[in-house]
Protein backbone atom coordinates (compact mmCIF):
# COMPACT_ATOMS: atom_id res chain seq x y z
CA MET A 1 -183.65 -165.24 -25.99
CA SER A 2 -186.86 -162.29 -25.43
CA PHE A 3 -186.91 -158.48 -26.72
CA PHE A 4 -185.91 -157.09 -23.58
CA SER A 5 -183.56 -159.75 -23.59
CA ARG A 6 -181.16 -159.02 -25.98
CA LEU A 7 -181.87 -155.68 -25.09
CA LYS A 8 -180.13 -156.38 -22.33
CA GLU A 9 -177.07 -158.38 -24.33
CA LYS A 10 -176.64 -155.55 -26.12
CA MET A 11 -176.58 -153.04 -23.35
CA THR A 12 -174.03 -154.29 -21.52
CA GLY A 13 -171.22 -153.33 -23.58
CA LYS A 14 -172.43 -150.18 -23.98
CA LYS A 15 -170.46 -146.99 -21.83
CA SER A 16 -172.73 -146.24 -19.03
CA SER A 17 -171.74 -142.27 -18.71
CA VAL A 18 -173.78 -142.24 -22.14
CA THR A 19 -176.03 -144.78 -20.40
CA GLN A 20 -176.84 -141.90 -18.15
CA LYS A 21 -177.67 -139.42 -20.16
CA PHE A 22 -179.97 -141.10 -22.02
CA VAL A 23 -181.67 -142.30 -19.25
CA SER A 24 -181.26 -138.60 -17.52
CA GLY A 25 -182.13 -136.87 -20.80
CA LEU A 26 -185.78 -139.41 -21.12
CA GLY A 27 -186.41 -139.08 -18.21
CA LYS A 28 -189.98 -136.81 -18.71
CA THR A 29 -191.23 -138.75 -21.21
CA SER A 30 -190.43 -142.46 -19.56
CA SER A 31 -192.06 -140.94 -17.29
CA SER A 32 -195.37 -140.13 -18.55
CA PHE A 33 -195.44 -142.58 -21.89
CA VAL A 34 -195.10 -145.33 -20.69
CA GLY A 35 -196.03 -144.39 -17.17
CA ALA A 36 -199.63 -144.34 -18.57
CA ILE A 37 -198.82 -147.06 -20.33
CA THR A 38 -197.57 -149.17 -17.68
CA ASP A 39 -201.48 -147.75 -15.70
CA LEU A 40 -203.45 -149.04 -19.31
CA PHE A 41 -201.73 -152.59 -19.52
CA SER A 42 -202.31 -153.37 -14.90
CA ARG A 43 -206.39 -153.96 -16.86
CA SER A 44 -207.81 -157.18 -16.65
CA ARG A 45 -208.18 -157.62 -20.82
CA ILE A 46 -207.60 -156.32 -23.75
CA ASP A 47 -210.84 -155.16 -25.71
CA GLU A 48 -210.98 -152.51 -27.73
CA GLU A 49 -211.14 -149.40 -25.37
CA LEU A 50 -207.41 -151.01 -24.05
CA TYR A 51 -206.32 -150.03 -27.50
CA GLU A 52 -208.52 -146.59 -27.67
CA GLU A 53 -206.95 -145.31 -24.79
CA LEU A 54 -203.38 -146.90 -26.25
CA GLU A 55 -204.61 -144.28 -28.89
CA GLU A 56 -204.73 -141.91 -27.11
CA ILE A 57 -201.68 -141.54 -24.88
CA LEU A 58 -199.19 -142.12 -27.74
CA ILE A 59 -200.59 -139.35 -29.99
CA GLY A 60 -200.89 -137.29 -26.86
CA ALA A 61 -196.83 -138.77 -26.43
CA ASP A 62 -195.70 -136.69 -30.05
CA VAL A 63 -195.35 -140.17 -31.28
CA GLY A 64 -197.53 -138.86 -34.69
CA VAL A 65 -201.24 -140.23 -35.51
CA GLN A 66 -199.69 -142.07 -38.74
CA THR A 67 -197.61 -143.86 -36.93
CA THR A 68 -199.04 -145.17 -33.59
CA MET A 69 -202.27 -146.67 -36.24
CA GLU A 70 -199.21 -148.31 -37.41
CA LEU A 71 -198.71 -149.23 -34.69
CA THR A 72 -201.62 -149.85 -32.50
CA ASP A 73 -203.17 -152.54 -35.67
CA ARG A 74 -199.41 -154.09 -35.48
CA LEU A 75 -199.95 -154.37 -32.17
CA ARG A 76 -203.81 -156.18 -32.55
CA ARG A 77 -201.84 -158.29 -35.74
CA GLU A 78 -199.65 -159.75 -32.32
CA VAL A 79 -202.47 -159.84 -30.21
CA LYS A 80 -203.92 -162.24 -32.03
CA GLU A 81 -201.52 -164.63 -34.09
CA ARG A 82 -199.97 -165.12 -30.81
CA LYS A 83 -203.22 -165.44 -28.36
CA ILE A 84 -202.17 -162.83 -26.53
CA LYS A 85 -204.88 -162.54 -23.16
CA ASP A 86 -202.71 -160.96 -20.29
CA PRO A 87 -202.32 -157.58 -21.08
CA ALA A 88 -198.60 -157.21 -19.27
CA GLU A 89 -197.34 -159.72 -21.78
CA LEU A 90 -198.06 -156.97 -24.37
CA LYS A 91 -195.57 -153.94 -22.95
CA PRO A 92 -192.44 -156.40 -24.70
CA VAL A 93 -194.30 -156.90 -27.25
CA LEU A 94 -195.19 -153.12 -28.00
CA MET A 95 -191.24 -152.24 -26.75
CA GLU A 96 -190.21 -154.88 -30.00
CA LEU A 97 -191.93 -152.64 -32.22
CA VAL A 98 -191.27 -149.37 -31.38
CA GLY A 99 -187.76 -150.85 -31.93
CA GLU A 100 -188.42 -151.87 -35.65
CA MET A 101 -189.42 -147.83 -36.33
CA LEU A 102 -186.13 -146.79 -35.18
CA PRO A 103 -182.63 -147.33 -36.43
CA THR A 104 -180.61 -149.11 -34.46
CA ALA A 105 -178.00 -149.82 -36.67
CA PRO A 106 -174.82 -147.68 -35.54
CA GLU A 107 -174.01 -147.00 -39.45
CA ALA A 108 -177.27 -145.17 -39.28
CA THR A 109 -177.11 -142.74 -36.75
CA ARG A 110 -173.22 -141.99 -37.50
CA LEU A 111 -172.01 -138.25 -39.03
CA ARG A 112 -170.65 -139.23 -42.51
CA GLU A 113 -167.54 -137.78 -42.48
CA ASN A 114 -164.63 -137.06 -44.98
CA PRO A 115 -161.41 -139.50 -44.77
CA ASP A 116 -159.44 -137.29 -46.61
CA GLY A 117 -159.77 -133.94 -46.13
CA LEU A 118 -162.67 -131.31 -45.34
CA THR A 119 -165.59 -132.10 -43.99
CA VAL A 120 -168.63 -130.08 -44.24
CA PHE A 121 -171.53 -129.88 -41.95
CA LEU A 122 -174.51 -127.71 -43.23
CA PHE A 123 -177.04 -126.82 -40.23
CA VAL A 124 -180.40 -125.70 -41.51
CA GLY A 125 -184.12 -125.35 -39.61
CA VAL A 126 -185.97 -121.81 -37.81
CA ASN A 127 -184.45 -119.56 -35.82
CA GLY A 128 -184.54 -120.87 -31.86
CA VAL A 129 -184.77 -124.08 -32.26
CA GLY A 130 -180.87 -124.24 -30.91
CA LYS A 131 -179.24 -124.54 -34.28
CA THR A 132 -176.01 -122.61 -33.46
CA THR A 133 -176.18 -123.87 -29.92
CA THR A 134 -176.01 -127.54 -31.21
CA ILE A 135 -172.88 -126.21 -33.83
CA GLY A 136 -170.86 -124.70 -30.84
CA LYS A 137 -171.68 -127.79 -28.85
CA LEU A 138 -169.85 -130.05 -32.00
CA ALA A 139 -167.46 -127.93 -32.20
CA HIS A 140 -166.31 -128.59 -29.16
CA ARG A 141 -166.46 -132.35 -29.56
CA TYR A 142 -163.84 -131.95 -32.49
CA LYS A 143 -161.72 -130.06 -30.86
CA ASN A 144 -160.94 -132.02 -27.74
CA GLU A 145 -160.74 -134.89 -30.40
CA GLY A 146 -157.49 -133.07 -31.65
CA LYS A 147 -159.39 -131.60 -34.76
CA LYS A 148 -158.59 -128.33 -36.47
CA VAL A 149 -162.54 -126.91 -36.69
CA VAL A 150 -164.02 -123.80 -38.62
CA LEU A 151 -167.07 -122.34 -38.24
CA ALA A 152 -168.88 -120.08 -40.57
CA ALA A 153 -171.56 -117.49 -40.11
CA GLY A 154 -173.80 -118.19 -42.64
CA ASP A 155 -177.48 -116.85 -40.50
CA THR A 156 -176.58 -112.82 -42.12
CA PHE A 157 -180.24 -112.72 -41.82
CA ARG A 158 -180.66 -112.42 -37.50
CA ALA A 159 -179.68 -109.55 -35.42
CA GLY A 160 -177.14 -111.34 -33.09
CA ALA A 161 -176.17 -114.42 -35.26
CA ILE A 162 -172.95 -113.45 -35.91
CA GLU A 163 -172.42 -112.09 -31.78
CA GLN A 164 -174.13 -115.66 -30.57
CA LEU A 165 -172.28 -118.46 -33.35
CA GLU A 166 -168.68 -115.80 -32.25
CA THR A 167 -169.39 -116.53 -29.18
CA TRP A 168 -169.35 -120.83 -29.51
CA GLY A 169 -166.27 -119.88 -31.62
CA GLN A 170 -164.62 -118.43 -28.51
CA ARG A 171 -165.56 -121.20 -25.77
CA ALA A 172 -164.30 -124.07 -27.74
CA GLY A 173 -161.50 -121.74 -29.13
CA VAL A 174 -162.24 -122.13 -32.90
CA ASP A 175 -162.09 -119.30 -36.02
CA VAL A 176 -165.15 -118.05 -37.01
CA ILE A 177 -165.79 -116.67 -40.68
CA LYS A 178 -168.51 -113.94 -41.40
CA HIS A 179 -169.58 -111.19 -42.66
CA GLN A 180 -171.52 -107.56 -42.17
CA ALA A 181 -175.58 -108.20 -41.74
CA GLY A 182 -177.46 -109.22 -44.42
CA ALA A 183 -173.85 -110.24 -46.72
CA ASP A 184 -175.72 -113.43 -49.38
CA PRO A 185 -175.06 -116.20 -47.31
CA ALA A 186 -172.99 -118.02 -50.35
CA ALA A 187 -170.18 -116.14 -49.67
CA VAL A 188 -169.45 -116.51 -45.87
CA ILE A 189 -170.36 -120.02 -47.06
CA TYR A 190 -167.78 -119.83 -49.97
CA ASP A 191 -164.98 -117.58 -46.95
CA GLY A 192 -165.16 -120.84 -45.03
CA ILE A 193 -164.94 -122.81 -47.11
CA GLN A 194 -161.62 -121.08 -48.54
CA ALA A 195 -160.32 -120.63 -45.14
CA ALA A 196 -160.52 -124.14 -43.28
CA ARG A 197 -158.23 -125.08 -46.75
CA ALA A 198 -156.19 -122.21 -45.74
CA ARG A 199 -155.71 -123.48 -42.20
CA LYS A 200 -156.21 -127.40 -43.60
CA ALA A 201 -158.78 -127.78 -41.28
CA ASP A 202 -160.61 -131.20 -41.03
CA ILE A 203 -164.00 -129.44 -40.29
CA LEU A 204 -166.40 -126.98 -42.05
CA LEU A 205 -169.81 -126.68 -39.89
CA CYS A 206 -171.95 -123.29 -41.39
CA ASP A 207 -175.06 -121.35 -40.19
CA THR A 208 -177.46 -120.69 -42.30
CA ALA A 209 -181.21 -118.65 -41.62
CA GLY A 210 -184.18 -119.97 -40.34
CA ARG A 211 -186.47 -117.94 -41.86
CA LEU A 212 -189.90 -120.04 -42.75
CA GLN A 213 -191.61 -117.46 -43.95
CA ASN A 214 -191.12 -117.33 -47.94
CA LYS A 215 -189.53 -120.49 -48.65
CA VAL A 216 -189.54 -119.58 -52.06
CA ASN A 217 -186.13 -116.60 -50.57
CA LEU A 218 -185.40 -120.03 -48.13
CA MET A 219 -185.15 -122.54 -50.94
CA GLU A 220 -182.92 -120.03 -53.81
CA GLU A 221 -180.48 -119.22 -50.84
CA LEU A 222 -180.45 -122.64 -49.67
CA LYS A 223 -180.18 -124.11 -53.35
CA LYS A 224 -177.39 -121.22 -53.37
CA VAL A 225 -175.55 -122.69 -51.12
CA HIS A 226 -175.75 -125.93 -51.81
CA ARG A 227 -174.11 -124.54 -55.00
CA VAL A 228 -171.52 -122.77 -53.69
CA ILE A 229 -170.30 -126.12 -51.81
CA ARG A 230 -170.71 -128.13 -54.64
CA ARG A 231 -168.67 -126.49 -56.46
CA GLU A 232 -165.79 -126.02 -54.06
CA LEU A 233 -165.76 -129.18 -52.96
CA PRO A 234 -168.26 -131.69 -55.24
CA ASP A 235 -169.02 -134.37 -52.68
CA ALA A 236 -169.67 -132.21 -49.23
CA PRO A 237 -171.78 -131.24 -48.00
CA HIS A 238 -171.61 -134.55 -46.04
CA GLU A 239 -173.90 -133.73 -43.87
CA THR A 240 -177.18 -131.52 -44.10
CA LEU A 241 -178.79 -131.15 -41.18
CA LEU A 242 -182.21 -130.60 -39.70
CA VAL A 243 -181.67 -128.71 -36.38
CA LEU A 244 -185.39 -129.32 -34.78
CA ASP A 245 -186.50 -128.53 -30.66
CA ALA A 246 -187.54 -131.35 -29.40
CA THR A 247 -190.37 -129.21 -27.01
CA THR A 248 -193.15 -128.29 -30.09
CA GLY A 249 -194.28 -131.42 -31.48
CA GLN A 250 -195.61 -132.06 -34.07
CA ASN A 251 -194.59 -128.43 -35.50
CA ALA A 252 -190.78 -129.89 -35.67
CA MET A 253 -192.95 -132.02 -38.27
CA VAL A 254 -194.37 -129.21 -40.16
CA GLN A 255 -190.74 -127.78 -40.27
CA ALA A 256 -189.05 -130.74 -41.67
CA LYS A 257 -191.34 -131.39 -44.49
CA GLN A 258 -191.13 -128.25 -45.32
CA PHE A 259 -186.87 -127.54 -45.74
CA GLY A 260 -187.28 -131.59 -46.87
CA GLU A 261 -188.28 -129.63 -49.83
CA ALA A 262 -186.13 -126.48 -49.53
CA THR A 263 -183.03 -128.94 -49.29
CA GLU A 264 -181.67 -132.10 -49.55
CA VAL A 265 -182.24 -133.60 -45.35
CA THR A 266 -179.83 -135.81 -44.88
CA GLY A 267 -180.20 -136.21 -41.23
CA ILE A 268 -182.21 -134.61 -38.00
CA VAL A 269 -180.28 -132.68 -34.50
CA LEU A 270 -182.81 -133.43 -32.07
CA THR A 271 -182.53 -130.71 -29.27
CA LYS A 272 -184.42 -129.98 -25.68
CA LEU A 273 -185.35 -133.95 -25.03
CA ASP A 274 -184.34 -133.44 -21.96
CA GLY A 275 -186.66 -130.79 -21.50
CA THR A 276 -190.00 -132.17 -22.91
CA ALA A 277 -192.30 -135.10 -21.76
CA LYS A 278 -192.99 -135.78 -25.27
CA GLY A 279 -190.12 -138.05 -26.95
CA GLY A 280 -192.05 -139.89 -29.05
CA ILE A 281 -191.81 -137.00 -31.35
CA VAL A 282 -188.63 -139.61 -31.98
CA ILE A 283 -190.06 -142.30 -32.94
CA ALA A 284 -192.48 -140.49 -35.58
CA ILE A 285 -190.12 -138.43 -37.58
CA SER A 286 -187.50 -141.94 -37.83
CA ARG A 287 -190.95 -143.80 -39.33
CA GLU A 288 -192.53 -140.77 -41.63
CA LEU A 289 -190.15 -138.63 -42.12
CA GLY A 290 -187.21 -141.94 -43.25
CA ILE A 291 -184.36 -139.29 -42.02
CA PRO A 292 -182.31 -140.64 -39.48
CA VAL A 293 -181.70 -139.01 -36.29
CA LYS A 294 -178.63 -138.55 -35.65
CA LEU A 295 -177.88 -136.31 -33.26
CA VAL A 296 -180.36 -135.29 -29.75
CA GLY A 297 -179.89 -132.61 -27.34
CA LEU A 298 -179.64 -134.85 -23.70
CA GLY A 299 -179.16 -130.97 -21.63
CA GLU A 300 -177.20 -127.97 -21.51
CA LYS A 301 -173.50 -128.79 -21.35
CA PRO A 302 -171.42 -129.15 -24.70
CA ASP A 303 -171.09 -133.29 -23.90
CA ASP A 304 -174.83 -133.58 -23.36
CA LEU A 305 -175.36 -133.30 -27.05
CA GLN A 306 -174.58 -137.11 -27.67
CA ASN A 307 -174.62 -139.28 -31.11
CA PHE A 308 -178.62 -140.92 -31.20
CA ASP A 309 -178.55 -144.42 -30.63
CA GLY A 310 -181.36 -146.66 -30.97
CA GLU A 311 -180.53 -148.68 -28.98
CA GLN A 312 -179.97 -147.13 -26.08
CA PHE A 313 -183.11 -144.48 -26.35
CA LEU A 314 -185.18 -147.78 -26.36
CA HIS A 315 -183.29 -148.67 -22.88
CA ALA A 316 -184.60 -145.12 -21.49
CA LEU A 317 -187.79 -145.11 -22.22
CA PHE A 318 -188.68 -147.95 -21.49
CA LYS A 319 -185.94 -148.95 -18.48
CA ASP A 320 -188.49 -149.28 -15.40
CA TRP A 321 -190.01 -152.18 -17.97
CA LEU A 322 -186.52 -152.95 -18.30
CA GLU A 323 -186.22 -153.40 -14.26
CA GLU A 324 -188.62 -155.34 -13.71
CA GLU A 325 -188.32 -158.29 -15.84
CA GLU A 326 -184.37 -158.39 -14.69
CA THR A 327 -186.48 -158.29 -10.94
CA ALA A 328 -188.70 -161.25 -12.19
CA ALA A 329 -186.04 -163.39 -13.76
CA ASN A 330 -184.33 -162.82 -10.58
C-alpha cells in the first residue's frame, strides 16, 4: 500500500469539520509551497538543479535550513535506492519524508491533563503572538465541555493585558484572578491556584508576561512562578505551552530557543497559521526543537483553535497531490 493510500485510509475516520478547518487554515501554505514543488516536479529529469530549487522552495516556506538539508539529502538517497527517474514520482516520497518528521500519534500531541484534580497550564511567549487570545479560546473550549475553568492574569507587566484577559473571561463565562498592574506574577498565580481549589475548578490557565528584552529577569520570573506552582501542586504545571506566531517564520524558532532556556516548555501553540504561506515552520519546529506542536490557530473564531494532528496537517498541505492520486486510481 502506498503512502498516499495509507494516509487516505487513516483520514477516512477523521471528523470532516476538523479536516475542513485544516484544509482552509493551510490554504495559503498549500497553494504557495506545494504549488511551487508541483511545478518543479513537472520537469523531465531529476538533476542537481532540481534539488537546489527544491531547497530554495523549502527554505522559503520556513521549513528551516537544517530540516531542508535533511529532507533533500534523504530524497537523494531514496531516488538512488529506488532508482527513480521521473520527477513526478518524487511526490509520494517527499510527502512520506515530511510525514516522518511530524508527530502523528494522538498521544504525542494531546494536552496532558490531571485525571485526579486541578489541571494547570502555564502559557509563555512574547507579546503580540496571540497568547491571551489562545487562553481565552481554550477557556471557551473547556467551558463548553462542561468543565469549571479559572484564569490567572499573571502578565502584570504589559499595559492592558489584565483587561484583555478579563474580556476573554467574560466571553467564556469564567472567573479571572487578578492583581494590580506591576504586581508579582508569582503571587497572582498562587492566588489563582487557591481560588481554583476553593471553587473546585477543573482547569487553571495561567498567563505570563512575554518580555525578552531582559532575558535574566524573564528567567527568574518564570522560575519563581514554577516554584510557586510546584510547591502547591508537585506535578504541575501539567503543560508549559509556548505560544508562537506562525507568520513570524524563523523568528518563532529564535523565540522558542530563548524561552526553552528560561523554562521547560512541554508544547507549542502555533497561532495565525491561516494567515501565512509559510506553514513549513510546523515541520521545522517538530524536527529541530523536538517539542510537539499541541495546538494550532486556524482562524479567529473560538473553535478555530484546534489540537494539532500530524495526519490532518499532511492531508491539508498535500491535498492537491492526494486528489490527483485518487483521480488517477479511479
